[in-house]
Every structure is written in C-alpha cells, then in structure tokens.
Amino acid sequence: MRDSGAAATGEGRGELDLRRVRERVLAKGFTVQQLEACLDEYSSLDIWQTASEGTRLVFIEAGDDDADMDDEYS
C-alpha cells in the first residue's frame, strides 16, 4: 500500500491513512485482531508508528545520519 499510494494521506510517501489501511486489510479477509497484532509487532520493531491520535501510519526511515554511525563503528 505504501508503494502503490493506495492509502496515502497526501502528506508524504511514508505516511498512510490508517482508516484506509484498515478497510483494505479487512476486505482481504484479515480480522481486526490480526491487523492490531501486526501494527503492534511492526511498531515494536521500529518499522512504523501511529500518529495523529491513531489516524495515520508513519513509516520510520533511516536517514544518512544512521549510515554515518554505522561507519564509525565498523
């Protein structure tokens, strides 16, 4: 959904409208419980986080600063 823009908010490529995500996931046959478990799991792995009182799903992207830190410790 991120790459296709299917649930994009218009705010940026790394941000999805959680209502649209929920609609599409449920339409594919997944349950609300499965969606919530996925949201929690990926949040704990720092893949994404929810924002705007739970209405947006924002992907966490590593910046150039992270790559510089890796070089320092290699």
PDB file of N, CA and C in Angstrom:
ATOM      1  N   MET A   1       0.822  -1.193   0.000  1.00  0.00           N
ATOM      2  CA  MET A   1       0.000   0.000   0.000  1.00  0.00           C
ATOM      3  C   MET A   1       0.864   1.253   0.000  1.00  0.00           C
ATOM      4  N   ARG A   2       2.005   1.147   0.643  1.00  0.00           N
ATOM      5  CA  ARG A   2       2.890   2.304   0.679  1.00  0.00           C
ATOM      6  C   ARG A   2       3.400   2.636  -0.719  1.00  0.00           C
ATOM      7  N   ASP A   3       3.894   1.627  -1.425  1.00  0.00           N
ATOM      8  CA  ASP A   3       4.467   1.859  -2.749  1.00  0.00           C
ATOM      9  C   ASP A   3       3.413   2.258  -3.782  1.00  0.00           C
ATOM     10  N   SER A   4       2.220   1.698  -3.667  1.00  0.00           N
ATOM     11  CA  SER A   4       1.171   1.990  -4.650  1.00  0.00           C
ATOM     12  C   SER A   4       0.464   3.309  -4.364  1.00  0.00           C
ATOM     13  N   GLY A   5       0.582   3.785  -3.129  1.00  0.00           N
ATOM     14  CA  GLY A   5      -0.125   5.010  -2.762  1.00  0.00           C
ATOM     15  C   GLY A   5      -1.597   4.772  -2.482  1.00  0.00           C
ATOM     16  N   ALA A   6      -1.991   3.512  -2.353  1.00  0.00           N
ATOM     17  CA  ALA A   6      -3.397   3.154  -2.182  1.00  0.00           C
ATOM     18  C   ALA A   6      -4.028   3.764  -0.936  1.00  0.00           C
ATOM     19  N   ALA A   7      -3.257   3.960   0.102  1.00  0.00           N
ATOM     20  CA  ALA A   7      -3.799   4.523   1.343  1.00  0.00           C
ATOM     21  C   ALA A   7      -3.052   5.790   1.744  1.00  0.00           C
ATOM     22  N   ALA A   8      -2.449   6.441   0.766  1.00  0.00           N
ATOM     23  CA  ALA A   8      -1.647   7.641   1.045  1.00  0.00           C
ATOM     24  C   ALA A   8      -2.504   8.754   1.632  1.00  0.00           C
ATOM     25  N   THR A   9      -1.870   9.541   2.476  1.00  0.00           N
ATOM     26  CA  THR A   9      -2.576  10.658   3.108  1.00  0.00           C
ATOM     27  C   THR A   9      -2.444  11.941   2.316  1.00  0.00           C
ATOM     28  N   GLY A  10      -1.502  11.967   1.405  1.00  0.00           N
ATOM     29  CA  GLY A  10      -1.207  13.197   0.690  1.00  0.00           C
ATOM     30  C   GLY A  10      -0.168  14.029   1.415  1.00  0.00           C
ATOM     31  N   GLU A  11       0.216  13.583   2.619  1.00  0.00           N
ATOM     32  CA  GLU A  11       1.190  14.294   3.438  1.00  0.00           C
ATOM     33  C   GLU A  11       2.620  13.901   3.087  1.00  0.00           C
ATOM     34  N   GLY A  12       2.785  12.785   2.454  1.00  0.00           N
ATOM     35  CA  GLY A  12       4.121  12.291   2.133  1.00  0.00           C
ATOM     36  C   GLY A  12       4.061  10.815   1.824  1.00  0.00           C
ATOM     37  N   ARG A  13       5.083  10.322   1.161  1.00  0.00           N
ATOM     38  CA  ARG A  13       5.081   8.931   0.719  1.00  0.00           C
ATOM     39  C   ARG A  13       5.139   7.947   1.880  1.00  0.00           C
ATOM     40  N   GLY A  14       5.727   8.322   2.986  1.00  0.00           N
ATOM     41  CA  GLY A  14       5.885   7.412   4.101  1.00  0.00           C
ATOM     42  C   GLY A  14       4.766   7.466   5.120  1.00  0.00           C
ATOM     43  N   GLU A  15       3.608   7.991   4.719  1.00  0.00           N
ATOM     44  CA  GLU A  15       2.509   8.141   5.664  1.00  0.00           C
ATOM     45  C   GLU A  15       1.213   7.635   5.037  1.00  0.00           C
ATOM     46  N   LEU A  16       0.496   6.760   5.787  1.00  0.00           N
ATOM     47  CA  LEU A  16      -0.745   6.174   5.289  1.00  0.00           C
ATOM     48  C   LEU A  16      -1.914   6.528   6.191  1.00  0.00           C
ATOM     49  N   ASP A  17      -3.092   6.625   5.590  1.00  0.00           N
ATOM     50  CA  ASP A  17      -4.330   6.842   6.328  1.00  0.00           C
ATOM     51  C   ASP A  17      -4.731   5.496   6.931  1.00  0.00           C
ATOM     52  N   LEU A  18      -4.721   5.398   8.242  1.00  0.00           N
ATOM     53  CA  LEU A  18      -4.974   4.124   8.909  1.00  0.00           C
ATOM     54  C   LEU A  18      -6.397   3.619   8.671  1.00  0.00           C
ATOM     55  N   ARG A  19      -7.341   4.517   8.463  1.00  0.00           N
ATOM     56  CA  ARG A  19      -8.712   4.091   8.158  1.00  0.00           C
ATOM     57  C   ARG A  19      -8.736   3.343   6.827  1.00  0.00           C
ATOM     58  N   ARG A  20      -8.038   3.860   5.817  1.00  0.00           N
ATOM     59  CA  ARG A  20      -7.975   3.190   4.512  1.00  0.00           C
ATOM     60  C   ARG A  20      -7.233   1.864   4.609  1.00  0.00           C
ATOM     61  N   VAL A  21      -6.163   1.848   5.372  1.00  0.00           N
ATOM     62  CA  VAL A  21      -5.419   0.598   5.577  1.00  0.00           C
ATOM     63  C   VAL A  21      -6.347  -0.446   6.186  1.00  0.00           C
ATOM     64  N   ARG A  22      -7.062  -0.058   7.246  1.00  0.00           N
ATOM     65  CA  ARG A  22      -7.979  -0.975   7.932  1.00  0.00           C
ATOM     66  C   ARG A  22      -9.025  -1.514   6.947  1.00  0.00           C
ATOM     67  N   GLU A  23      -9.617  -0.638   6.150  1.00  0.00           N
ATOM     68  CA  GLU A  23     -10.636  -1.061   5.189  1.00  0.00           C
ATOM     69  C   GLU A  23     -10.082  -2.094   4.212  1.00  0.00           C
ATOM     70  N   ARG A  24      -8.899  -1.834   3.687  1.00  0.00           N
ATOM     71  CA  ARG A  24      -8.305  -2.749   2.701  1.00  0.00           C
ATOM     72  C   ARG A  24      -7.912  -4.080   3.331  1.00  0.00           C
ATOM     73  N   VAL A  25      -7.357  -4.028   4.528  1.00  0.00           N
ATOM     74  CA  VAL A  25      -6.937  -5.260   5.211  1.00  0.00           C
ATOM     75  C   VAL A  25      -8.155  -6.127   5.535  1.00  0.00           C
ATOM     76  N   LEU A  26      -9.197  -5.512   6.052  1.00  0.00           N
ATOM     77  CA  LEU A  26     -10.411  -6.267   6.378  1.00  0.00           C
ATOM     78  C   LEU A  26     -11.069  -6.817   5.111  1.00  0.00           C
ATOM     79  N   ALA A  27     -11.024  -6.063   4.018  1.00  0.00           N
ATOM     80  CA  ALA A  27     -11.599  -6.520   2.753  1.00  0.00           C
ATOM     81  C   ALA A  27     -10.855  -7.737   2.205  1.00  0.00           C
ATOM     82  N   LYS A  28      -9.595  -7.882   2.573  1.00  0.00           N
ATOM     83  CA  LYS A  28      -8.802  -9.040   2.147  1.00  0.00           C
ATOM     84  C   LYS A  28      -9.057 -10.268   3.008  1.00  0.00           C
ATOM     85  N   GLY A  29      -9.884 -10.129   4.052  1.00  0.00           N
ATOM     86  CA  GLY A  29     -10.258 -11.277   4.866  1.00  0.00           C
ATOM     87  C   GLY A  29      -9.533 -11.397   6.193  1.00  0.00           C
ATOM     88  N   PHE A  30      -8.674 -10.442   6.508  1.00  0.00           N
ATOM     89  CA  PHE A  30      -7.999 -10.464   7.804  1.00  0.00           C
ATOM     90  C   PHE A  30      -8.936  -9.910   8.866  1.00  0.00           C
ATOM     91  N   THR A  31      -8.679 -10.243  10.112  1.00  0.00           N
ATOM     92  CA  THR A  31      -9.510  -9.766  11.214  1.00  0.00           C
ATOM     93  C   THR A  31      -8.907  -8.494  11.819  1.00  0.00           C
ATOM     94  N   VAL A  32      -9.717  -7.793  12.580  1.00  0.00           N
ATOM     95  CA  VAL A  32      -9.245  -6.602  13.297  1.00  0.00           C
ATOM     96  C   VAL A  32      -8.129  -7.001  14.256  1.00  0.00           C
ATOM     97  N   GLN A  33      -8.271  -8.155  14.899  1.00  0.00           N
ATOM     98  CA  GLN A  33      -7.256  -8.621  15.842  1.00  0.00           C
ATOM     99  C   GLN A  33      -5.923  -8.873  15.129  1.00  0.00           C
ATOM    100  N   GLN A  34      -5.969  -9.447  13.939  1.00  0.00           N
ATOM    101  CA  GLN A  34      -4.744  -9.681  13.177  1.00  0.00           C
ATOM    102  C   GLN A  34      -4.089  -8.365  12.779  1.00  0.00           C
ATOM    103  N   LEU A  35      -4.888  -7.420  12.359  1.00  0.00           N
ATOM    104  CA  LEU A  35      -4.360  -6.099  11.996  1.00  0.00           C
ATOM    105  C   LEU A  35      -3.705  -5.442  13.200  1.00  0.00           C
ATOM    106  N   GLU A  36      -4.384  -5.457  14.331  1.00  0.00           N
ATOM    107  CA  GLU A  36      -3.838  -4.830  15.539  1.00  0.00           C
ATOM    108  C   GLU A  36      -2.547  -5.511  15.995  1.00  0.00           C
ATOM    109  N   ALA A  37      -2.496  -6.836  15.882  1.00  0.00           N
ATOM    110  CA  ALA A  37      -1.275  -7.559  16.242  1.00  0.00           C
ATOM    111  C   ALA A  37      -0.128  -7.159  15.312  1.00  0.00           C
ATOM    112  N   CYS A  38      -0.426  -7.015  14.037  1.00  0.00           N
ATOM    113  CA  CYS A  38       0.589  -6.592  13.065  1.00  0.00           C
ATOM    114  C   CYS A  38       1.064  -5.172  13.368  1.00  0.00           C
ATOM    115  N   LEU A  39       0.135  -4.268  13.636  1.00  0.00           N
ATOM    116  CA  LEU A  39       0.502  -2.883  13.961  1.00  0.00           C
ATOM    117  C   LEU A  39       1.412  -2.847  15.184  1.00  0.00           C
ATOM    118  N   ASP A  40       1.051  -3.613  16.207  1.00  0.00           N
ATOM    119  CA  ASP A  40       1.863  -3.648  17.429  1.00  0.00           C
ATOM    120  C   ASP A  40       3.245  -4.239  17.171  1.00  0.00           C
ATOM    121  N   GLU A  41       3.295  -5.340  16.444  1.00  0.00           N
ATOM    122  CA  GLU A  41       4.569  -6.014  16.164  1.00  0.00           C
ATOM    123  C   GLU A  41       5.513  -5.108  15.382  1.00  0.00           C
ATOM    124  N   TYR A  42       5.013  -4.493  14.315  1.00  0.00           N
ATOM    125  CA  TYR A  42       5.860  -3.634  13.487  1.00  0.00           C
ATOM    126  C   TYR A  42       6.238  -2.349  14.220  1.00  0.00           C
ATOM    127  N   SER A  43       5.392  -1.890  15.117  1.00  0.00           N
ATOM    128  CA  SER A  43       5.747  -0.724  15.940  1.00  0.00           C
ATOM    129  C   SER A  43       6.905  -1.074  16.865  1.00  0.00           C
ATOM    130  N   SER A  44       6.862  -2.268  17.448  1.00  0.00           N
ATOM    131  CA  SER A  44       7.926  -2.680  18.363  1.00  0.00           C
ATOM    132  C   SER A  44       9.249  -2.907  17.624  1.00  0.00           C
ATOM    133  N   LEU A  45       9.181  -3.180  16.318  1.00  0.00           N
ATOM    134  CA  LEU A  45      10.381  -3.371  15.504  1.00  0.00           C
ATOM    135  C   LEU A  45      10.868  -2.066  14.869  1.00  0.00           C
ATOM    136  N   ASP A  46      10.205  -0.956  15.197  1.00  0.00           N
ATOM    137  CA  ASP A  46      10.532   0.372  14.650  1.00  0.00           C
ATOM    138  C   ASP A  46      10.426   0.423  13.131  1.00  0.00           C
ATOM    139  N   ILE A  47       9.415  -0.255  12.593  1.00  0.00           N
ATOM    140  CA  ILE A  47       9.116  -0.189  11.166  1.00  0.00           C
ATOM    141  C   ILE A  47       8.203   1.003  10.907  1.00  0.00           C
ATOM    142  N   TRP A  48       7.234   1.187  11.801  1.00  0.00           N
ATOM    143  CA  TRP A  48       6.308   2.307  11.694  1.00  0.00           C
ATOM    144  C   TRP A  48       5.803   2.700  13.066  1.00  0.00           C
ATOM    145  N   GLN A  49       5.078   3.796  13.101  1.00  0.00           N
ATOM    146  CA  GLN A  49       4.419   4.236  14.330  1.00  0.00           C
ATOM    147  C   GLN A  49       3.108   4.899  13.935  1.00  0.00           C
ATOM    148  N   THR A  50       2.175   4.934  14.851  1.00  0.00           N
ATOM    149  CA  THR A  50       0.929   5.631  14.578  1.00  0.00           C
ATOM    150  C   THR A  50       1.076   7.069  15.052  1.00  0.00           C
ATOM    151  N   ALA A  51       0.371   7.953  14.363  1.00  0.00           N
ATOM    152  CA  ALA A  51       0.433   9.375  14.675  1.00  0.00           C
ATOM    153  C   ALA A  51      -0.964   9.973  14.535  1.00  0.00           C
ATOM    154  N   SER A  52      -1.088  11.231  14.875  1.00  0.00           N
ATOM    155  CA  SER A  52      -2.362  11.957  14.754  1.00  0.00           C
ATOM    156  C   SER A  52      -3.496  11.214  15.440  1.00  0.00           C
ATOM    157  N   GLU A  53      -3.243  10.864  16.701  1.00  0.00           N
ATOM    158  CA  GLU A  53      -4.247  10.174  17.526  1.00  0.00           C
ATOM    159  C   GLU A  53      -4.704   8.856  16.902  1.00  0.00           C
ATOM    160  N   GLY A  54      -3.747   8.147  16.294  1.00  0.00           N
ATOM    161  CA  GLY A  54      -4.042   6.832  15.735  1.00  0.00           C
ATOM    162  C   GLY A  54      -4.685   6.841  14.374  1.00  0.00           C
ATOM    163  N   THR A  55      -4.692   7.977  13.673  1.00  0.00           N
ATOM    164  CA  THR A  55      -5.322   8.033  12.360  1.00  0.00           C
ATOM    165  C   THR A  55      -4.328   7.904  11.220  1.00  0.00           C
ATOM    166  N   ARG A  56      -3.041   7.967  11.524  1.00  0.00           N
ATOM    167  CA  ARG A  56      -2.005   7.895  10.497  1.00  0.00           C
ATOM    168  C   ARG A  56      -1.002   6.806  10.850  1.00  0.00           C
ATOM    169  N   LEU A  57      -0.494   6.157   9.834  1.00  0.00           N
ATOM    170  CA  LEU A  57       0.553   5.164   9.986  1.00  0.00           C
ATOM    171  C   LEU A  57       1.786   5.741   9.303  1.00  0.00           C
ATOM    172  N   VAL A  58       2.840   5.983  10.081  1.00  0.00           N
ATOM    173  CA  VAL A  58       4.038   6.644   9.562  1.00  0.00           C
ATOM    174  C   VAL A  58       5.201   5.665   9.595  1.00  0.00           C
ATOM    175  N   PHE A  59       5.833   5.459   8.431  1.00  0.00           N
ATOM    176  CA  PHE A  59       6.995   4.581   8.346  1.00  0.00           C
ATOM    177  C   PHE A  59       8.222   5.300   8.891  1.00  0.00           C
ATOM    178  N   ILE A  60       9.025   4.575   9.635  1.00  0.00           N
ATOM    179  CA  ILE A  60      10.265   5.111  10.179  1.00  0.00           C
ATOM    180  C   ILE A  60      11.364   4.792   9.177  1.00  0.00           C
ATOM    181  N   GLU A  61      12.023   5.819   8.710  1.00  0.00           N
ATOM    182  CA  GLU A  61      13.062   5.629   7.706  1.00  0.00           C
ATOM    183  C   GLU A  61      14.402   6.059   8.267  1.00  0.00           C
ATOM    184  N   ALA A  62      15.403   5.237   8.018  1.00  0.00           N
ATOM    185  CA  ALA A  62      16.754   5.578   8.454  1.00  0.00           C
ATOM    186  C   ALA A  62      17.280   6.702   7.580  1.00  0.00           C
ATOM    187  N   GLY A  63      17.911   7.664   8.215  1.00  0.00           N
ATOM    188  CA  GLY A  63      18.486   8.775   7.477  1.00  0.00           C
ATOM    189  C   GLY A  63      19.968   8.572   7.261  1.00  0.00           C
ATOM    190  N   ASP A  64      20.581   9.525   6.617  1.00  0.00           N
ATOM    191  CA  ASP A  64      22.016   9.462   6.369  1.00  0.00           C
ATOM    192  C   ASP A  64      22.812   9.438   7.661  1.00  0.00           C
ATOM    193  N   ASP A  65      22.284  10.046   8.714  1.00  0.00           N
ATOM    194  CA  ASP A  65      22.988  10.057   9.995  1.00  0.00           C
ATOM    195  C   ASP A  65      23.206   8.645  10.527  1.00  0.00           C
ATOM    196  N   ASP A  66      22.223   7.763  10.303  1.00  0.00           N
ATOM    197  CA  ASP A  66      22.350   6.385  10.758  1.00  0.00           C
ATOM    198  C   ASP A  66      23.476   5.668  10.029  1.00  0.00           C
ATOM    199  N   ALA A  67      23.622   5.929   8.731  1.00  0.00           N
ATOM    200  CA  ALA A  67      24.688   5.297   7.952  1.00  0.00           C
ATOM    201  C   ALA A  67      26.047   5.772   8.443  1.00  0.00           C
ATOM    202  N   ASP A  68      26.140   7.072   8.784  1.00  0.00           N
ATOM    203  CA  ASP A  68      27.404   7.604   9.309  1.00  0.00           C
ATOM    204  C   ASP A  68      27.778   6.926  10.618  1.00  0.00           C
ATOM    205  N   MET A  69      26.805   6.649  11.446  1.00  0.00           N
ATOM    206  CA  MET A  69      27.076   5.996  12.736  1.00  0.00           C
ATOM    207  C   MET A  69      27.580   4.584  12.497  1.00  0.00           C
ATOM    208  N   ASP A  70      27.012   3.885  11.515  1.00  0.00           N
ATOM    209  CA  ASP A  70      27.469   2.546  11.203  1.00  0.00           C
ATOM    210  C   ASP A  70      28.924   2.548  10.763  1.00  0.00           C
ATOM    211  N   ASP A  71      29.302   3.546   9.976  1.00  0.00           N
ATOM    212  CA  ASP A  71      30.700   3.657   9.510  1.00  0.00           C
ATOM    213  C   ASP A  71      31.662   3.860  10.666  1.00  0.00           C
ATOM    214  N   GLU A  72      31.238   4.621  11.669  1.00  0.00           N
ATOM    215  CA  GLU A  72      32.100   4.903  12.821  1.00  0.00           C
ATOM    216  C   GLU A  72      32.411   3.649  13.606  1.00  0.00           C
ATOM    217  N   TYR A  73      31.463   2.718  13.649  1.00  0.00           N
ATOM    218  CA  TYR A  73      31.622   1.529  14.489  1.00  0.00           C
ATOM    219  C   TYR A  73      32.009   0.284  13.698  1.00  0.00           C
ATOM    220  N   SER A  74      32.293   0.441  12.416  1.00  0.00           N
ATOM    221  CA  SER A  74      32.663  -0.724  11.591  1.00  0.00           C
ATOM    222  C   SER A  74      34.100  -1.101  11.770  1.00  0.00           C
TER     223      SER A  74
END
